[in-house]
N, C-alpha and C. Protein backbone atom coordinates (compact mmCIF):
# COMPACT_ATOMS: atom_id res chain seq x y z
N MET A 1 115.15 5.24 -97.37
CA MET A 1 113.73 5.64 -97.18
C MET A 1 113.23 5.04 -95.86
N ALA A 2 112.43 5.80 -95.15
CA ALA A 2 111.85 5.37 -93.87
C ALA A 2 110.95 4.20 -94.11
N THR A 3 111.01 3.27 -93.09
CA THR A 3 110.24 2.13 -93.13
C THR A 3 108.86 2.39 -92.46
N LYS A 4 107.87 1.55 -92.70
CA LYS A 4 106.52 1.73 -92.07
C LYS A 4 106.71 1.82 -90.57
N GLU A 5 107.53 1.00 -89.98
CA GLU A 5 107.76 1.05 -88.51
C GLU A 5 108.31 2.31 -88.08
N GLU A 6 109.34 2.91 -88.80
CA GLU A 6 109.85 4.22 -88.42
C GLU A 6 108.66 5.32 -88.56
N ILE A 7 107.85 5.19 -89.54
CA ILE A 7 106.79 6.13 -89.74
C ILE A 7 105.79 6.07 -88.57
N ARG A 8 105.37 4.80 -88.29
CA ARG A 8 104.45 4.55 -87.15
C ARG A 8 105.05 5.02 -85.77
N ALA A 9 106.28 4.92 -85.69
CA ALA A 9 106.96 5.42 -84.36
C ALA A 9 106.80 6.92 -84.31
N VAL A 10 106.94 7.62 -85.40
CA VAL A 10 106.78 9.10 -85.37
C VAL A 10 105.24 9.45 -85.08
N PHE A 11 104.37 8.71 -85.59
CA PHE A 11 102.93 8.95 -85.28
C PHE A 11 102.63 8.64 -83.89
N ALA A 12 103.29 7.63 -83.31
CA ALA A 12 103.03 7.26 -81.95
C ALA A 12 103.54 8.21 -80.95
N ASP A 13 104.55 8.96 -81.38
CA ASP A 13 105.13 9.93 -80.47
C ASP A 13 105.14 11.25 -81.35
N PRO A 14 104.08 11.97 -81.60
CA PRO A 14 104.02 13.07 -82.51
C PRO A 14 104.77 14.28 -82.08
N GLN A 15 104.91 14.48 -80.72
CA GLN A 15 105.55 15.69 -80.23
C GLN A 15 104.76 16.93 -80.64
N ILE A 16 103.57 16.80 -80.97
CA ILE A 16 102.69 17.88 -81.39
C ILE A 16 101.28 17.71 -80.72
N ASP A 17 100.83 18.73 -80.00
CA ASP A 17 99.51 18.71 -79.48
C ASP A 17 98.50 18.72 -80.58
N GLY A 18 97.34 18.02 -80.36
CA GLY A 18 96.28 18.19 -81.33
C GLY A 18 96.10 17.05 -82.22
N MET A 19 96.97 16.03 -82.31
CA MET A 19 96.92 14.98 -83.14
C MET A 19 95.63 14.15 -82.96
N ASP A 20 95.14 14.00 -81.70
CA ASP A 20 93.97 13.20 -81.44
C ASP A 20 92.79 13.94 -82.05
N ALA A 21 92.68 15.17 -82.18
CA ALA A 21 91.65 15.91 -82.79
C ALA A 21 91.70 15.75 -84.32
N LEU A 22 92.91 15.62 -84.84
CA LEU A 22 93.04 15.43 -86.24
C LEU A 22 92.53 13.99 -86.64
N TYR A 23 93.03 12.95 -85.88
CA TYR A 23 92.55 11.62 -86.08
C TYR A 23 91.02 11.53 -85.92
N ARG A 24 90.49 12.22 -84.94
CA ARG A 24 89.07 12.12 -84.75
C ARG A 24 88.30 12.71 -85.94
N CYS A 25 88.71 13.91 -86.35
CA CYS A 25 88.06 14.52 -87.53
C CYS A 25 88.06 13.61 -88.77
N ILE A 26 89.18 13.09 -89.12
CA ILE A 26 89.25 12.11 -90.25
C ILE A 26 88.53 10.85 -89.92
N GLY A 27 88.72 10.32 -88.72
CA GLY A 27 88.13 9.01 -88.37
C GLY A 27 86.59 9.04 -88.35
N GLU A 28 86.04 10.18 -87.93
CA GLU A 28 84.53 10.25 -87.96
C GLU A 28 83.99 10.23 -89.39
N MET A 29 84.71 10.86 -90.28
CA MET A 29 84.18 10.80 -91.66
C MET A 29 84.39 9.46 -92.25
N LEU A 30 85.50 8.77 -91.89
CA LEU A 30 85.64 7.35 -92.39
C LEU A 30 84.54 6.46 -91.90
N GLN A 31 84.32 6.67 -90.53
CA GLN A 31 83.22 5.82 -89.95
C GLN A 31 81.96 5.98 -90.74
N ASP A 32 81.65 7.29 -91.20
CA ASP A 32 80.50 7.58 -91.95
C ASP A 32 80.47 7.10 -93.34
N GLY A 33 81.60 6.47 -93.74
CA GLY A 33 81.61 5.94 -95.12
C GLY A 33 82.44 6.71 -96.14
N ALA A 34 83.06 7.81 -95.62
CA ALA A 34 83.92 8.54 -96.63
C ALA A 34 85.22 7.81 -96.98
N GLU A 35 85.68 8.11 -98.13
CA GLU A 35 86.97 7.58 -98.58
C GLU A 35 88.04 8.42 -97.85
N PHE A 36 89.20 7.83 -97.53
CA PHE A 36 90.26 8.48 -96.81
C PHE A 36 90.68 9.76 -97.58
N ASP A 37 90.91 9.66 -98.88
CA ASP A 37 91.35 10.86 -99.61
C ASP A 37 90.41 12.00 -99.43
N ASN A 38 89.07 11.75 -99.58
CA ASN A 38 88.10 12.87 -99.49
C ASN A 38 88.11 13.42 -98.02
N ALA A 39 88.13 12.52 -97.00
CA ALA A 39 88.12 13.04 -95.60
C ALA A 39 89.40 13.87 -95.26
N TYR A 40 90.53 13.36 -95.80
CA TYR A 40 91.76 14.07 -95.58
C TYR A 40 91.70 15.48 -96.25
N SER A 41 91.26 15.55 -97.53
CA SER A 41 91.15 16.73 -98.21
C SER A 41 90.13 17.79 -97.57
N LEU A 42 89.05 17.27 -97.12
CA LEU A 42 88.13 18.20 -96.40
C LEU A 42 88.66 18.78 -95.17
N VAL A 43 89.36 17.92 -94.37
CA VAL A 43 90.06 18.46 -93.10
C VAL A 43 91.13 19.44 -93.41
N ILE A 44 91.97 19.24 -94.35
CA ILE A 44 93.07 20.07 -94.78
C ILE A 44 92.37 21.44 -95.29
N ALA A 45 91.43 21.22 -96.24
CA ALA A 45 90.83 22.50 -96.84
C ALA A 45 90.09 23.32 -95.82
N SER A 46 89.74 22.79 -94.66
CA SER A 46 88.94 23.59 -93.67
C SER A 46 89.79 24.63 -93.01
N GLY A 47 91.06 24.40 -92.96
CA GLY A 47 92.01 25.42 -92.39
C GLY A 47 91.91 25.51 -90.92
N ASP A 48 91.11 24.70 -90.28
CA ASP A 48 90.89 24.72 -88.81
C ASP A 48 92.03 24.08 -88.08
N ALA A 49 91.89 24.06 -86.79
CA ALA A 49 92.97 23.57 -85.90
C ALA A 49 93.55 22.26 -86.40
N PRO A 50 92.71 21.21 -86.65
CA PRO A 50 93.30 19.96 -87.16
C PRO A 50 94.18 20.02 -88.38
N ALA A 51 93.80 20.90 -89.27
CA ALA A 51 94.61 21.14 -90.54
C ALA A 51 95.98 21.80 -90.07
N ASN A 52 95.90 22.81 -89.21
CA ASN A 52 97.12 23.36 -88.79
C ASN A 52 97.99 22.45 -87.99
N THR A 53 97.42 21.60 -87.24
CA THR A 53 98.15 20.56 -86.50
C THR A 53 98.85 19.65 -87.46
N TRP A 54 98.27 19.26 -88.57
CA TRP A 54 98.86 18.39 -89.57
C TRP A 54 99.99 19.06 -90.19
N ILE A 55 99.93 20.36 -90.53
CA ILE A 55 100.97 21.12 -91.18
C ILE A 55 102.19 21.22 -90.20
N ARG A 56 101.89 21.56 -88.93
CA ARG A 56 102.94 21.58 -87.94
C ARG A 56 103.64 20.19 -87.76
N PHE A 57 102.82 19.21 -87.75
CA PHE A 57 103.36 17.83 -87.60
C PHE A 57 104.29 17.53 -88.79
N CYS A 58 103.87 17.78 -89.99
CA CYS A 58 104.67 17.47 -91.20
C CYS A 58 106.00 18.31 -91.21
N VAL A 59 105.93 19.59 -90.83
CA VAL A 59 107.13 20.36 -90.78
C VAL A 59 108.04 19.78 -89.75
N GLN A 60 107.57 19.52 -88.62
CA GLN A 60 108.33 18.94 -87.51
C GLN A 60 109.03 17.62 -87.84
N CYS A 61 108.23 16.84 -88.59
CA CYS A 61 108.67 15.41 -89.02
C CYS A 61 109.85 15.58 -89.93
N ALA A 62 109.96 16.59 -90.71
CA ALA A 62 111.03 16.80 -91.69
C ALA A 62 112.47 16.60 -91.01
N THR A 63 112.48 16.92 -89.67
CA THR A 63 113.79 16.76 -89.04
C THR A 63 113.98 15.42 -88.35
N ARG A 64 112.91 14.66 -88.39
CA ARG A 64 112.94 13.38 -87.56
C ARG A 64 113.23 12.20 -88.45
N PHE A 65 113.32 12.34 -89.72
CA PHE A 65 113.73 11.26 -90.68
C PHE A 65 115.05 11.62 -91.34
N ASP A 66 116.02 10.71 -91.42
CA ASP A 66 117.21 10.89 -92.20
C ASP A 66 116.87 10.95 -93.76
N ASP A 67 115.98 10.06 -94.04
CA ASP A 67 115.53 9.82 -95.49
C ASP A 67 113.94 9.89 -95.47
N PRO A 68 113.38 10.93 -95.70
CA PRO A 68 111.90 11.14 -95.54
C PRO A 68 111.07 10.07 -96.32
N PRO A 69 109.94 9.68 -95.77
CA PRO A 69 109.15 8.62 -96.42
C PRO A 69 108.46 9.29 -97.66
N GLU A 70 107.99 8.38 -98.52
CA GLU A 70 107.13 8.77 -99.60
C GLU A 70 105.83 9.40 -99.00
N GLU A 71 105.30 10.36 -99.71
CA GLU A 71 104.04 10.99 -99.17
C GLU A 71 102.93 9.99 -98.99
N SER A 72 102.79 9.03 -100.04
CA SER A 72 101.74 8.00 -99.96
C SER A 72 101.95 7.12 -98.72
N GLU A 73 103.03 6.81 -98.32
CA GLU A 73 103.34 5.91 -97.20
C GLU A 73 102.94 6.70 -95.87
N PHE A 74 103.31 8.01 -95.85
CA PHE A 74 103.03 8.86 -94.66
C PHE A 74 101.52 8.95 -94.57
N LEU A 75 100.83 9.10 -95.65
CA LEU A 75 99.39 9.25 -95.54
C LEU A 75 98.66 7.88 -95.20
N GLU A 76 99.34 6.77 -95.64
CA GLU A 76 98.75 5.52 -95.16
C GLU A 76 98.74 5.38 -93.70
N VAL A 77 99.91 5.74 -93.13
CA VAL A 77 99.90 5.74 -91.71
C VAL A 77 99.00 6.65 -91.00
N LEU A 78 98.74 7.82 -91.60
CA LEU A 78 97.72 8.78 -91.03
C LEU A 78 96.34 8.14 -91.13
N GLU A 79 95.99 7.41 -92.17
CA GLU A 79 94.79 6.68 -92.34
C GLU A 79 94.68 5.64 -91.22
N GLU A 80 95.75 4.85 -91.08
CA GLU A 80 95.72 3.74 -90.11
C GLU A 80 95.43 4.34 -88.69
N PHE A 81 96.14 5.37 -88.32
CA PHE A 81 95.96 6.06 -87.01
C PHE A 81 94.55 6.65 -86.87
N SER A 82 94.03 7.25 -87.89
CA SER A 82 92.71 7.87 -87.94
C SER A 82 91.62 6.79 -87.70
N ARG A 83 91.80 5.66 -88.40
CA ARG A 83 90.79 4.59 -88.29
C ARG A 83 90.94 4.00 -86.84
N ARG A 84 92.10 3.93 -86.29
CA ARG A 84 92.25 3.25 -85.00
C ARG A 84 91.86 4.26 -83.82
N HIS A 85 92.19 5.43 -84.00
CA HIS A 85 92.10 6.45 -82.88
C HIS A 85 91.07 7.52 -83.13
N GLY A 86 90.47 7.54 -84.32
CA GLY A 86 89.65 8.71 -84.66
C GLY A 86 88.24 8.77 -83.94
N VAL A 87 87.81 7.66 -83.53
CA VAL A 87 86.46 7.66 -82.97
C VAL A 87 86.52 7.34 -81.45
N SER A 88 86.01 8.23 -80.67
CA SER A 88 85.95 8.09 -79.29
C SER A 88 84.93 7.11 -78.78
């Protein structure tokens, strides 16, 4: 299974345009007090560009791991990056 450091490395070099917008969308909601699960669900349900970016990123990541991470660990790193990079 992928380690947290391997997951972070993929997020640090996403190879997909639009990740900053995804982080910003989720990060702004987190800053306003939303729980990560709710913020994530709202962004994905919107179907807007950040949601499509996330889908493309997940599909592309399937080939970057020999042993894919657990979904919960992948989302933990998304939350981490959203909190760190989400607010300009």
